[in-house]
Amino acid sequence: MTGLRQALQGFVRSYHACDALVAEQSAWCCGIRLESQDSPDVAHLEIEAGRVVRIASAVSSCSLVVRSELAVLVDVLTFRRDPNEAYLFGELTVEGAEEDFMRLDYIVTRLCAQ
């Protein structure tokens, strides 16, 4: 298992442990692809009704793609780094629907603050 997938699984456990946050996202369905720019690591997650239902190496469709160096992705997923800082400095890019980006940003920011 790659460092990216391990970090993502820990992130999902933290997210699912926050019942109120998951409940707020109950209308959200989304496919997200995380891509490392400096390694072959890629991870996909599928969200249905606000819950992550699958982490895989490939999914049929993604509405959001997040790209960065592996260390930045892992630091964000393990709450060692604020994603907004990486985004503002151009170290992390997001491509896709603004609504999905805003939801993901909200979730990560809330979990980082805990």
PDB file of N, CA and C in Angstrom:
ATOM      1  N   MET A   1       0.852  -1.176   0.000  1.00  0.00           N
ATOM      2  CA  MET A   1       0.000   0.000   0.000  1.00  0.00           C
ATOM      3  C   MET A   1       0.902   1.244   0.000  1.00  0.00           C
ATOM      4  N   THR A   2       0.540   2.228  -0.785  1.00  0.00           N
ATOM      5  CA  THR A   2       1.350   3.437  -0.905  1.00  0.00           C
ATOM      6  C   THR A   2       1.127   4.387   0.268  1.00  0.00           C
ATOM      7  N   GLY A   3       2.057   5.313   0.437  1.00  0.00           N
ATOM      8  CA  GLY A   3       1.916   6.329   1.475  1.00  0.00           C
ATOM      9  C   GLY A   3       0.668   7.166   1.283  1.00  0.00           C
ATOM     10  N   LEU A   4       0.332   7.437   0.029  1.00  0.00           N
ATOM     11  CA  LEU A   4      -0.868   8.217  -0.267  1.00  0.00           C
ATOM     12  C   LEU A   4      -2.113   7.462   0.167  1.00  0.00           C
ATOM     13  N   ARG A   5      -2.205   6.207  -0.179  1.00  0.00           N
ATOM     14  CA  ARG A   5      -3.393   5.423   0.208  1.00  0.00           C
ATOM     15  C   ARG A   5      -3.498   5.265   1.720  1.00  0.00           C
ATOM     16  N   GLN A   6      -2.376   5.062   2.388  1.00  0.00           N
ATOM     17  CA  GLN A   6      -2.401   4.947   3.851  1.00  0.00           C
ATOM     18  C   GLN A   6      -2.883   6.249   4.482  1.00  0.00           C
ATOM     19  N   ALA A   7      -2.350   7.366   4.004  1.00  0.00           N
ATOM     20  CA  ALA A   7      -2.769   8.670   4.531  1.00  0.00           C
ATOM     21  C   ALA A   7      -4.254   8.899   4.262  1.00  0.00           C
ATOM     22  N   LEU A   8      -4.708   8.522   3.079  1.00  0.00           N
ATOM     23  CA  LEU A   8      -6.110   8.695   2.725  1.00  0.00           C
ATOM     24  C   LEU A   8      -7.007   7.840   3.614  1.00  0.00           C
ATOM     25  N   GLN A   9      -6.615   6.611   3.883  1.00  0.00           N
ATOM     26  CA  GLN A   9      -7.423   5.758   4.759  1.00  0.00           C
ATOM     27  C   GLN A   9      -7.525   6.333   6.167  1.00  0.00           C
ATOM     28  N   GLY A  10      -6.422   6.891   6.685  1.00  0.00           N
ATOM     29  CA  GLY A  10      -6.469   7.540   7.998  1.00  0.00           C
ATOM     30  C   GLY A  10      -7.367   8.760   7.987  1.00  0.00           C
ATOM     31  N   PHE A  11      -7.303   9.537   6.901  1.00  0.00           N
ATOM     32  CA  PHE A  11      -8.163  10.702   6.752  1.00  0.00           C
ATOM     33  C   PHE A  11      -9.639  10.290   6.766  1.00  0.00           C
ATOM     34  N   VAL A  12      -9.967   9.249   6.014  1.00  0.00           N
ATOM     35  CA  VAL A  12     -11.355   8.782   5.935  1.00  0.00           C
ATOM     36  C   VAL A  12     -11.832   8.301   7.310  1.00  0.00           C
ATOM     37  N   ARG A  13     -10.982   7.606   8.055  1.00  0.00           N
ATOM     38  CA  ARG A  13     -11.362   7.179   9.407  1.00  0.00           C
ATOM     39  C   ARG A  13     -11.681   8.393  10.287  1.00  0.00           C
ATOM     40  N   SER A  14     -10.849   9.416  10.206  1.00  0.00           N
ATOM     41  CA  SER A  14     -11.092  10.635  10.999  1.00  0.00           C
ATOM     42  C   SER A  14     -12.384  11.318  10.576  1.00  0.00           C
ATOM     43  N   TYR A  15     -12.616  11.380   9.286  1.00  0.00           N
ATOM     44  CA  TYR A  15     -13.840  11.998   8.763  1.00  0.00           C
ATOM     45  C   TYR A  15     -15.075  11.224   9.219  1.00  0.00           C
ATOM     46  N   HIS A  16     -15.071   9.908   9.042  1.00  0.00           N
ATOM     47  CA  HIS A  16     -16.231   9.102   9.427  1.00  0.00           C
ATOM     48  C   HIS A  16     -16.469   9.122  10.937  1.00  0.00           C
ATOM     49  N   ALA A  17     -15.434   9.377  11.728  1.00  0.00           N
ATOM     50  CA  ALA A  17     -15.589   9.451  13.185  1.00  0.00           C
ATOM     51  C   ALA A  17     -16.284  10.732  13.625  1.00  0.00           C
ATOM     52  N   CYS A  18     -16.401  11.685  12.733  1.00  0.00           N
ATOM     53  CA  CYS A  18     -17.049  12.965  13.044  1.00  0.00           C
ATOM     54  C   CYS A  18     -18.483  12.931  12.484  1.00  0.00           C
ATOM     55  N   ASP A  19     -19.381  12.325  13.241  1.00  0.00           N
ATOM     56  CA  ASP A  19     -20.754  12.100  12.776  1.00  0.00           C
ATOM     57  C   ASP A  19     -21.459  13.368  12.304  1.00  0.00           C
ATOM     58  N   ALA A  20     -21.283  14.470  13.026  1.00  0.00           N
ATOM     59  CA  ALA A  20     -21.958  15.711  12.660  1.00  0.00           C
ATOM     60  C   ALA A  20     -21.469  16.222  11.310  1.00  0.00           C
ATOM     61  N   LEU A  21     -20.179  16.116  11.065  1.00  0.00           N
ATOM     62  CA  LEU A  21     -19.614  16.566   9.799  1.00  0.00           C
ATOM     63  C   LEU A  21     -20.106  15.701   8.642  1.00  0.00           C
ATOM     64  N   VAL A  22     -20.136  14.400   8.835  1.00  0.00           N
ATOM     65  CA  VAL A  22     -20.644  13.492   7.803  1.00  0.00           C
ATOM     66  C   VAL A  22     -22.120  13.779   7.527  1.00  0.00           C
ATOM     67  N   ALA A  23     -22.899  14.015   8.581  1.00  0.00           N
ATOM     68  CA  ALA A  23     -24.323  14.297   8.413  1.00  0.00           C
ATOM     69  C   ALA A  23     -24.553  15.574   7.613  1.00  0.00           C
ATOM     70  N   GLU A  24     -23.692  16.574   7.806  1.00  0.00           N
ATOM     71  CA  GLU A  24     -23.809  17.819   7.040  1.00  0.00           C
ATOM     72  C   GLU A  24     -23.616  17.595   5.538  1.00  0.00           C
ATOM     73  N   GLN A  25     -22.919  16.547   5.187  1.00  0.00           N
ATOM     74  CA  GLN A  25     -22.602  16.283   3.779  1.00  0.00           C
ATOM     75  C   GLN A  25     -23.530  15.229   3.157  1.00  0.00           C
ATOM     76  N   SER A  26     -24.648  14.952   3.777  1.00  0.00           N
ATOM     77  CA  SER A  26     -25.507  13.835   3.357  1.00  0.00           C
ATOM     78  C   SER A  26     -26.018  13.928   1.915  1.00  0.00           C
ATOM     79  N   ALA A  27     -26.008  15.098   1.329  1.00  0.00           N
ATOM     80  CA  ALA A  27     -26.473  15.234  -0.060  1.00  0.00           C
ATOM     81  C   ALA A  27     -25.318  15.169  -1.066  1.00  0.00           C
ATOM     82  N   TRP A  28     -24.100  14.940  -0.582  1.00  0.00           N
ATOM     83  CA  TRP A  28     -22.924  15.007  -1.450  1.00  0.00           C
ATOM     84  C   TRP A  28     -22.570  13.654  -2.034  1.00  0.00           C
ATOM     85  N   CYS A  29     -22.473  13.610  -3.338  1.00  0.00           N
ATOM     86  CA  CYS A  29     -21.982  12.439  -4.066  1.00  0.00           C
ATOM     87  C   CYS A  29     -20.896  12.948  -5.012  1.00  0.00           C
ATOM     88  N   CYS A  30     -19.726  12.286  -4.974  1.00  0.00           N
ATOM     89  CA  CYS A  30     -18.595  12.824  -5.716  1.00  0.00           C
ATOM     90  C   CYS A  30     -17.534  11.741  -5.907  1.00  0.00           C
ATOM     91  N   GLY A  31     -16.822  11.815  -7.005  1.00  0.00           N
ATOM     92  CA  GLY A  31     -15.631  11.005  -7.213  1.00  0.00           C
ATOM     93  C   GLY A  31     -14.430  11.932  -7.164  1.00  0.00           C
ATOM     94  N   ILE A  32     -13.427  11.580  -6.376  1.00  0.00           N
ATOM     95  CA  ILE A  32     -12.249  12.430  -6.220  1.00  0.00           C
ATOM     96  C   ILE A  32     -10.998  11.616  -6.559  1.00  0.00           C
ATOM     97  N   ARG A  33     -10.113  12.226  -7.339  1.00  0.00           N
ATOM     98  CA  ARG A  33      -8.837  11.607  -7.693  1.00  0.00           C
ATOM     99  C   ARG A  33      -7.724  12.445  -7.067  1.00  0.00           C
ATOM    100  N   LEU A  34      -6.849  11.801  -6.321  1.00  0.00           N
ATOM    101  CA  LEU A  34      -5.676  12.439  -5.754  1.00  0.00           C
ATOM    102  C   LEU A  34      -4.468  11.963  -6.545  1.00  0.00           C
ATOM    103  N   GLU A  35      -3.709  12.898  -7.115  1.00  0.00           N
ATOM    104  CA  GLU A  35      -2.565  12.558  -7.951  1.00  0.00           C
ATOM    105  C   GLU A  35      -1.292  13.160  -7.387  1.00  0.00           C
ATOM    106  N   SER A  36      -0.290  12.328  -7.218  1.00  0.00           N
ATOM    107  CA  SER A  36       1.030  12.817  -6.853  1.00  0.00           C
ATOM    108  C   SER A  36       1.736  13.263  -8.123  1.00  0.00           C
ATOM    109  N   GLN A  37       2.357  14.440  -8.087  1.00  0.00           N
ATOM    110  CA  GLN A  37       3.065  14.952  -9.255  1.00  0.00           C
ATOM    111  C   GLN A  37       4.509  14.463  -9.318  1.00  0.00           C
ATOM    112  N   ASP A  38       5.007  13.908  -8.236  1.00  0.00           N
ATOM    113  CA  ASP A  38       6.401  13.483  -8.222  1.00  0.00           C
ATOM    114  C   ASP A  38       6.590  11.990  -7.955  1.00  0.00           C
ATOM    115  N   SER A  39       5.505  11.239  -8.049  1.00  0.00           N
ATOM    116  CA  SER A  39       5.573   9.784  -7.884  1.00  0.00           C
ATOM    117  C   SER A  39       4.393   9.178  -8.643  1.00  0.00           C
ATOM    118  N   PRO A  40       4.379   7.878  -8.801  1.00  0.00           N
ATOM    119  CA  PRO A  40       3.243   7.250  -9.493  1.00  0.00           C
ATOM    120  C   PRO A  40       1.999   7.070  -8.621  1.00  0.00           C
ATOM    121  N   ASP A  41       2.036   7.552  -7.372  1.00  0.00           N
ATOM    122  CA  ASP A  41       0.914   7.364  -6.452  1.00  0.00           C
ATOM    123  C   ASP A  41      -0.331   8.113  -6.916  1.00  0.00           C
ATOM    124  N   VAL A  42      -1.428   7.382  -6.981  1.00  0.00           N
ATOM    125  CA  VAL A  42      -2.744   7.921  -7.325  1.00  0.00           C
ATOM    126  C   VAL A  42      -3.755   7.205  -6.444  1.00  0.00           C
ATOM    127  N   ALA A  43      -4.747   7.925  -5.985  1.00  0.00           N
ATOM    128  CA  ALA A  43      -5.820   7.309  -5.199  1.00  0.00           C
ATOM    129  C   ALA A  43      -7.140   7.942  -5.605  1.00  0.00           C
ATOM    130  N   HIS A  44      -8.162   7.136  -5.615  1.00  0.00           N
ATOM    131  CA  HIS A  44      -9.517   7.589  -5.938  1.00  0.00           C
ATOM    132  C   HIS A  44     -10.416   7.270  -4.760  1.00  0.00           C
ATOM    133  N   LEU A  45     -11.351   8.158  -4.516  1.00  0.00           N
ATOM    134  CA  LEU A  45     -12.369   7.831  -3.538  1.00  0.00           C
ATOM    135  C   LEU A  45     -13.729   8.217  -4.079  1.00  0.00           C
ATOM    136  N   GLU A  46     -14.689   7.418  -3.704  1.00  0.00           N
ATOM    137  CA  GLU A  46     -16.072   7.675  -4.088  1.00  0.00           C
ATOM    138  C   GLU A  46     -16.856   8.031  -2.842  1.00  0.00           C
ATOM    139  N   ILE A  47     -17.615   9.104  -2.953  1.00  0.00           N
ATOM    140  CA  ILE A  47     -18.445   9.571  -1.857  1.00  0.00           C
ATOM    141  C   ILE A  47     -19.893   9.470  -2.283  1.00  0.00           C
ATOM    142  N   GLU A  48     -20.682   8.817  -1.462  1.00  0.00           N
ATOM    143  CA  GLU A  48     -22.123   8.705  -1.701  1.00  0.00           C
ATOM    144  C   GLU A  48     -22.837   9.094  -0.417  1.00  0.00           C
ATOM    145  N   ALA A  49     -23.785   9.987  -0.543  1.00  0.00           N
ATOM    146  CA  ALA A  49     -24.563  10.470   0.607  1.00  0.00           C
ATOM    147  C   ALA A  49     -23.643  10.928   1.735  1.00  0.00           C
ATOM    148  N   GLY A  50     -22.537  11.579   1.360  1.00  0.00           N
ATOM    149  CA  GLY A  50     -21.634  12.145   2.344  1.00  0.00           C
ATOM    150  C   GLY A  50     -20.639  11.185   2.958  1.00  0.00           C
ATOM    151  N   ARG A  51     -20.713   9.906   2.637  1.00  0.00           N
ATOM    152  CA  ARG A  51     -19.798   8.905   3.201  1.00  0.00           C
ATOM    153  C   ARG A  51     -18.877   8.373   2.114  1.00  0.00           C
ATOM    154  N   VAL A  52     -17.635   8.153   2.484  1.00  0.00           N
ATOM    155  CA  VAL A  52     -16.699   7.533   1.549  1.00  0.00           C
ATOM    156  C   VAL A  52     -17.046   6.048   1.497  1.00  0.00           C
ATOM    157  N   VAL A  53     -17.427   5.595   0.315  1.00  0.00           N
ATOM    158  CA  VAL A  53     -17.857   4.207   0.167  1.00  0.00           C
ATOM    159  C   VAL A  53     -16.800   3.332  -0.491  1.00  0.00           C
ATOM    160  N   ARG A  54     -15.771   3.982  -1.073  1.00  0.00           N
ATOM    161  CA  ARG A  54     -14.731   3.183  -1.717  1.00  0.00           C
ATOM    162  C   ARG A  54     -13.466   4.008  -1.904  1.00  0.00           C
ATOM    163  N   ILE A  55     -12.351   3.364  -1.616  1.00  0.00           N
ATOM    164  CA  ILE A  55     -11.042   3.887  -1.961  1.00  0.00           C
ATOM    165  C   ILE A  55     -10.445   2.878  -2.923  1.00  0.00           C
ATOM    166  N   ALA A  56      -9.997   3.362  -4.068  1.00  0.00           N
ATOM    167  CA  ALA A  56      -9.515   2.436  -5.097  1.00  0.00           C
ATOM    168  C   ALA A  56      -8.367   3.060  -5.872  1.00  0.00           C
ATOM    169  N   SER A  57      -7.784   2.251  -6.726  1.00  0.00           N
ATOM    170  CA  SER A  57      -6.731   2.775  -7.597  1.00  0.00           C
ATOM    171  C   SER A  57      -7.323   3.358  -8.873  1.00  0.00           C
ATOM    172  N   ALA A  58      -8.596   3.103  -9.134  1.00  0.00           N
ATOM    173  CA  ALA A  58      -9.262   3.682 -10.302  1.00  0.00           C
ATOM    174  C   ALA A  58     -10.768   3.698 -10.075  1.00  0.00           C
ATOM    175  N   VAL A  59     -11.402   4.731 -10.574  1.00  0.00           N
ATOM    176  CA  VAL A  59     -12.864   4.821 -10.570  1.00  0.00           C
ATOM    177  C   VAL A  59     -13.310   5.225 -11.966  1.00  0.00           C
ATOM    178  N   SER A  60     -14.576   5.021 -12.237  1.00  0.00           N
ATOM    179  CA  SER A  60     -15.075   5.299 -13.578  1.00  0.00           C
ATOM    180  C   SER A  60     -15.124   6.788 -13.908  1.00  0.00           C
ATOM    181  N   SER A  61     -15.434   7.612 -12.933  1.00  0.00           N
ATOM    182  CA  SER A  61     -15.484   9.051 -13.213  1.00  0.00           C
ATOM    183  C   SER A  61     -15.132   9.840 -11.955  1.00  0.00           C
ATOM    184  N   CYS A  62     -14.556  11.002 -12.179  1.00  0.00           N
ATOM    185  CA  CYS A  62     -14.190  11.891 -11.074  1.00  0.00           C
ATOM    186  C   CYS A  62     -14.720  13.275 -11.386  1.00  0.00           C
ATOM    187  N   SER A  63     -15.266  13.926 -10.393  1.00  0.00           N
ATOM    188  CA  SER A  63     -15.689  15.305 -10.588  1.00  0.00           C
ATOM    189  C   SER A  63     -14.675  16.269 -10.001  1.00  0.00           C
ATOM    190  N   LEU A  64     -13.655  15.728  -9.316  1.00  0.00           N
ATOM    191  CA  LEU A  64     -12.652  16.576  -8.693  1.00  0.00           C
ATOM    192  C   LEU A  64     -11.296  15.873  -8.762  1.00  0.00           C
ATOM    193  N   VAL A  65     -10.269  16.612  -9.193  1.00  0.00           N
ATOM    194  CA  VAL A  65      -8.901  16.093  -9.239  1.00  0.00           C
ATOM    195  C   VAL A  65      -8.022  17.020  -8.416  1.00  0.00           C
ATOM    196  N   VAL A  66      -7.297  16.445  -7.473  1.00  0.00           N
ATOM    197  CA  VAL A  66      -6.388  17.198  -6.614  1.00  0.00           C
ATOM    198  C   VAL A  66      -4.971  16.727  -6.930  1.00  0.00           C
ATOM    199  N   ARG A  67      -4.081  17.679  -7.257  1.00  0.00           N
ATOM    200  CA  ARG A  67      -2.707  17.341  -7.631  1.00  0.00           C
ATOM    201  C   ARG A  67      -1.715  18.102  -6.759  1.00  0.00           C
ATOM    202  N   SER A  68      -0.660  17.400  -6.367  1.00  0.00           N
ATOM    203  CA  SER A  68       0.423  18.016  -5.619  1.00  0.00           C
ATOM    204  C   SER A  68       1.564  17.011  -5.512  1.00  0.00           C
ATOM    205  N   GLU A  69       2.666  17.460  -4.950  1.00  0.00           N
ATOM    206  CA  GLU A  69       3.733  16.519  -4.633  1.00  0.00           C
ATOM    207  C   GLU A  69       3.225  15.577  -3.548  1.00  0.00           C
ATOM    208  N   LEU A  70       3.761  14.374  -3.529  1.00  0.00           N
ATOM    209  CA  LEU A  70       3.312  13.358  -2.582  1.00  0.00           C
ATOM    210  C   LEU A  70       3.404  13.840  -1.138  1.00  0.00           C
ATOM    211  N   ALA A  71       4.501  14.476  -0.759  1.00  0.00           N
ATOM    212  CA  ALA A  71       4.670  14.928   0.626  1.00  0.00           C
ATOM    213  C   ALA A  71       3.588  15.924   1.032  1.00  0.00           C
ATOM    214  N   VAL A  72       3.193  16.796   0.120  1.00  0.00           N
ATOM    215  CA  VAL A  72       2.147  17.782   0.423  1.00  0.00           C
ATOM    216  C   VAL A  72       0.810  17.071   0.611  1.00  0.00           C
ATOM    217  N   LEU A  73       0.481  16.150  -0.290  1.00  0.00           N
ATOM    218  CA  LEU A  73      -0.781  15.408  -0.162  1.00  0.00           C
ATOM    219  C   LEU A  73      -0.833  14.650   1.160  1.00  0.00           C
ATOM    220  N   VAL A  74       0.242  13.963   1.494  1.00  0.00           N
ATOM    221  CA  VAL A  74       0.280  13.192   2.738  1.00  0.00           C
ATOM    222  C   VAL A  74       0.174  14.127   3.939  1.00  0.00           C
ATOM    223  N   ASP A  75       0.889  15.248   3.926  1.00  0.00           N
ATOM    224  CA  ASP A  75       0.808  16.189   5.043  1.00  0.00           C
ATOM    225  C   ASP A  75      -0.602  16.744   5.228  1.00  0.00           C
ATOM    226  N   VAL A  76      -1.287  17.034   4.142  1.00  0.00           N
ATOM    227  CA  VAL A  76      -2.666  17.532   4.229  1.00  0.00           C
ATOM    228  C   VAL A  76      -3.588  16.440   4.766  1.00  0.00           C
ATOM    229  N   LEU A  77      -3.452  15.231   4.254  1.00  0.00           N
ATOM    230  CA  LEU A  77      -4.325  14.133   4.677  1.00  0.00           C
ATOM    231  C   LEU A  77      -4.084  13.689   6.115  1.00  0.00           C
ATOM    232  N   THR A  78      -2.903  13.972   6.635  1.00  0.00           N
ATOM    233  CA  THR A  78      -2.588  13.597   8.017  1.00  0.00           C
ATOM    234  C   THR A  78      -2.642  14.804   8.951  1.00  0.00           C
ATOM    235  N   PHE A  79      -3.193  15.910   8.459  1.00  0.00           N
ATOM    236  CA  PHE A  79      -3.452  17.119   9.257  1.00  0.00           C
ATOM    237  C   PHE A  79      -2.179  17.797   9.767  1.00  0.00           C
ATOM    238  N   ARG A  80      -1.062  17.570   9.102  1.00  0.00           N
ATOM    239  CA  ARG A  80       0.175  18.258   9.463  1.00  0.00           C
ATOM    240  C   ARG A  80       0.316  19.577   8.711  1.00  0.00           C
ATOM    241  N   ARG A  81      -0.545  19.757   7.718  1.00  0.00           N
ATOM    242  CA  ARG A  81      -0.458  20.977   6.916  1.00  0.00           C
ATOM    243  C   ARG A  81      -1.856  21.420   6.503  1.00  0.00           C
ATOM    244  N   ASP A  82      -2.092  22.707   6.557  1.00  0.00           N
ATOM    245  CA  ASP A  82      -3.359  23.292   6.139  1.00  0.00           C
ATOM    246  C   ASP A  82      -3.429  23.287   4.611  1.00  0.00           C
ATOM    247  N   PRO A  83      -4.484  22.723   4.039  1.00  0.00           N
ATOM    248  CA  PRO A  83      -4.571  22.654   2.581  1.00  0.00           C
ATOM    249  C   PRO A  83      -4.676  24.028   1.922  1.00  0.00           C
ATOM    250  N   ASN A  84      -5.245  24.994   2.639  1.00  0.00           N
ATOM    251  CA  ASN A  84      -5.395  26.329   2.054  1.00  0.00           C
ATOM    252  C   ASN A  84      -4.041  26.983   1.796  1.00  0.00           C
ATOM    253  N   GLU A  85      -3.089  26.765   2.680  1.00  0.00           N
ATOM    254  CA  GLU A  85      -1.747  27.307   2.496  1.00  0.00           C
ATOM    255  C   GLU A  85      -1.109  26.720   1.226  1.00  0.00           C
ATOM    256  N   ALA A  86      -1.177  25.409   1.092  1.00  0.00           N
ATOM    257  CA  ALA A  86      -0.603  24.759  -0.098  1.00  0.00           C
ATOM    258  C   ALA A  86      -1.298  25.235  -1.369  1.00  0.00           C
ATOM    259  N   TYR A  87      -2.593  25.428  -1.304  1.00  0.00           N
ATOM    260  CA  TYR A  87      -3.357  25.897  -2.464  1.00  0.00           C
ATOM    261  C   TYR A  87      -2.961  27.335  -2.828  1.00  0.00           C
ATOM    262  N   LEU A  88      -2.894  28.193  -1.829  1.00  0.00           N
ATOM    263  CA  LEU A  88      -2.569  29.599  -2.073  1.00  0.00           C
ATOM    264  C   LEU A  88      -1.164  29.792  -2.643  1.00  0.00           C
ATOM    265  N   PHE A  89      -0.237  28.924  -2.261  1.00  0.00           N
ATOM    266  CA  PHE A  89       1.133  29.024  -2.752  1.00  0.00           C
ATOM    267  C   PHE A  89       1.359  28.211  -4.019  1.00  0.00           C
ATOM    268  N   GLY A  90       0.281  27.647  -4.594  1.00  0.00           N
ATOM    269  CA  GLY A  90       0.380  26.940  -5.860  1.00  0.00           C
ATOM    270  C   GLY A  90       0.996  25.554  -5.768  1.00  0.00           C
ATOM    271  N   GLU A  91       1.148  25.036  -4.556  1.00  0.00           N
ATOM    272  CA  GLU A  91       1.720  23.700  -4.386  1.00  0.00           C
ATOM    273  C   GLU A  91       0.676  22.608  -4.570  1.00  0.00           C
ATOM    274  N   LEU A  92      -0.570  22.976  -4.481  1.00  0.00           N
ATOM    275  CA  LEU A  92      -1.678  22.038  -4.602  1.00  0.00           C
ATOM    276  C   LEU A  92      -2.683  22.655  -5.573  1.00  0.00           C
ATOM    277  N   THR A  93      -3.079  21.882  -6.578  1.00  0.00           N
ATOM    278  CA  THR A  93      -4.069  22.382  -7.527  1.00  0.00           C
ATOM    279  C   THR A  93      -5.311  21.513  -7.474  1.00  0.00           C
ATOM    280  N   VAL A  94      -6.420  22.132  -7.792  1.00  0.00           N
ATOM    281  CA  VAL A  94      -7.707  21.433  -7.797  1.00  0.00           C
ATOM    282  C   VAL A  94      -8.395  21.737  -9.109  1.00  0.00           C
ATOM    283  N   GLU A  95      -8.909  20.698  -9.728  1.00  0.00           N
ATOM    284  CA  GLU A  95      -9.618  20.834 -10.998  1.00  0.00           C
ATOM    285  C   GLU A  95     -10.967  20.151 -10.861  1.00  0.00           C
ATOM    286  N   GLY A  96     -12.016  20.885 -11.194  1.00  0.00           N
ATOM    287  CA  GLY A  96     -13.338  20.280 -11.137  1.00  0.00           C
ATOM    288  C   GLY A  96     -14.390  21.256 -10.667  1.00  0.00           C
ATOM    289  N   ALA A  97     -15.521  20.698 -10.289  1.00  0.00           N
ATOM    290  CA  ALA A  97     -16.675  21.496  -9.888  1.00  0.00           C
ATOM    291  C   ALA A  97     -16.386  22.286  -8.614  1.00  0.00           C
ATOM    292  N   GLU A  98     -16.680  23.581  -8.653  1.00  0.00           N
ATOM    293  CA  GLU A  98     -16.417  24.452  -7.502  1.00  0.00           C
ATOM    294  C   GLU A  98     -17.164  23.969  -6.254  1.00  0.00           C
ATOM    295  N   GLU A  99     -18.377  23.496  -6.427  1.00  0.00           N
ATOM    296  CA  GLU A  99     -19.164  23.013  -5.284  1.00  0.00           C
ATOM    297  C   GLU A  99     -18.439  21.869  -4.575  1.00  0.00           C
ATOM    298  N   ASP A 100     -17.886  20.945  -5.352  1.00  0.00           N
ATOM    299  CA  ASP A 100     -17.163  19.819  -4.751  1.00  0.00           C
ATOM    300  C   ASP A 100     -15.882  20.291  -4.074  1.00  0.00           C
ATOM    301  N   PHE A 101     -15.178  21.220  -4.712  1.00  0.00           N
ATOM    302  CA  PHE A 101     -13.965  21.771  -4.130  1.00  0.00           C
ATOM    303  C   PHE A 101     -14.279  22.450  -2.801  1.00  0.00           C
ATOM    304  N   MET A 102     -15.340  23.242  -2.754  1.00  0.00           N
ATOM    305  CA  MET A 102     -15.699  23.956  -1.533  1.00  0.00           C
ATOM    306  C   MET A 102     -16.063  22.982  -0.409  1.00  0.00           C
ATOM    307  N   ARG A 103     -16.785  21.932  -0.735  1.00  0.00           N
ATOM    308  CA  ARG A 103     -17.134  20.928   0.285  1.00  0.00           C
ATOM    309  C   ARG A 103     -15.890  20.239   0.827  1.00  0.00           C
ATOM    310  N   LEU A 104     -15.007  19.826  -0.080  1.00  0.00           N
ATOM    311  CA  LEU A 104     -13.786  19.149   0.350  1.00  0.00           C
ATOM    312  C   LEU A 104     -12.936  20.078   1.219  1.00  0.00           C
ATOM    313  N   ASP A 105     -12.805  21.323   0.815  1.00  0.00           N
ATOM    314  CA  ASP A 105     -12.046  22.298   1.591  1.00  0.00           C
ATOM    315  C   ASP A 105     -12.650  22.465   2.982  1.00  0.00           C
ATOM    316  N   TYR A 106     -13.960  22.558   3.053  1.00  0.00           N
ATOM    317  CA  TYR A 106     -14.649  22.702   4.335  1.00  0.00           C
ATOM    318  C   TYR A 106     -14.364  21.503   5.240  1.00  0.00           C
ATOM    319  N   ILE A 107     -14.471  20.313   4.693  1.00  0.00           N
ATOM    320  CA  ILE A 107     -14.250  19.086   5.473  1.00  0.00           C
ATOM    321  C   ILE A 107     -12.819  19.047   6.004  1.00  0.00           C
ATOM    322  N   VAL A 108     -11.848  19.264   5.119  1.00  0.00           N
ATOM    323  CA  VAL A 108     -10.444  19.197   5.531  1.00  0.00           C
ATOM    324  C   VAL A 108     -10.137  20.273   6.569  1.00  0.00           C
ATOM    325  N   THR A 109     -10.647  21.473   6.359  1.00  0.00           N
ATOM    326  CA  THR A 109     -10.411  22.563   7.307  1.00  0.00           C
ATOM    327  C   THR A 109     -11.009  22.246   8.665  1.00  0.00           C
ATOM    328  N   ARG A 110     -12.213  21.712   8.688  1.00  0.00           N
ATOM    329  CA  ARG A 110     -12.851  21.343   9.969  1.00  0.00           C
ATOM    330  C   ARG A 110     -12.058  20.252  10.684  1.00  0.00           C
ATOM    331  N   LEU A 111     -11.616  19.259   9.931  1.00  0.00           N
ATOM    332  CA  LEU A 111     -10.850  18.169  10.563  1.00  0.00           C
ATOM    333  C   LEU A 111      -9.492  18.644  11.048  1.00  0.00           C
ATOM    334  N   CYS A 112      -8.870  19.553  10.328  1.00  0.00           N
ATOM    335  CA  CYS A 112      -7.569  20.110  10.747  1.00  0.00           C
ATOM    336  C   CYS A 112      -7.707  20.894  12.042  1.00  0.00           C
ATOM    337  N   ALA A 113      -8.850  21.521  12.243  1.00  0.00           N
ATOM    338  CA  ALA A 113      -9.060  22.349  13.429  1.00  0.00           C
ATOM    339  C   ALA A 113      -9.321  21.534  14.687  1.00  0.00           C
ATOM    340  N   GLN A 114      -9.586  20.256  14.537  1.00  0.00           N
ATOM    341  CA  GLN A 114      -9.904  19.424  15.711  1.00  0.00           C
ATOM    342  C   GLN A 114      -8.671  19.021  16.471  1.00  0.00           C
TER     343      GLN A 114
END
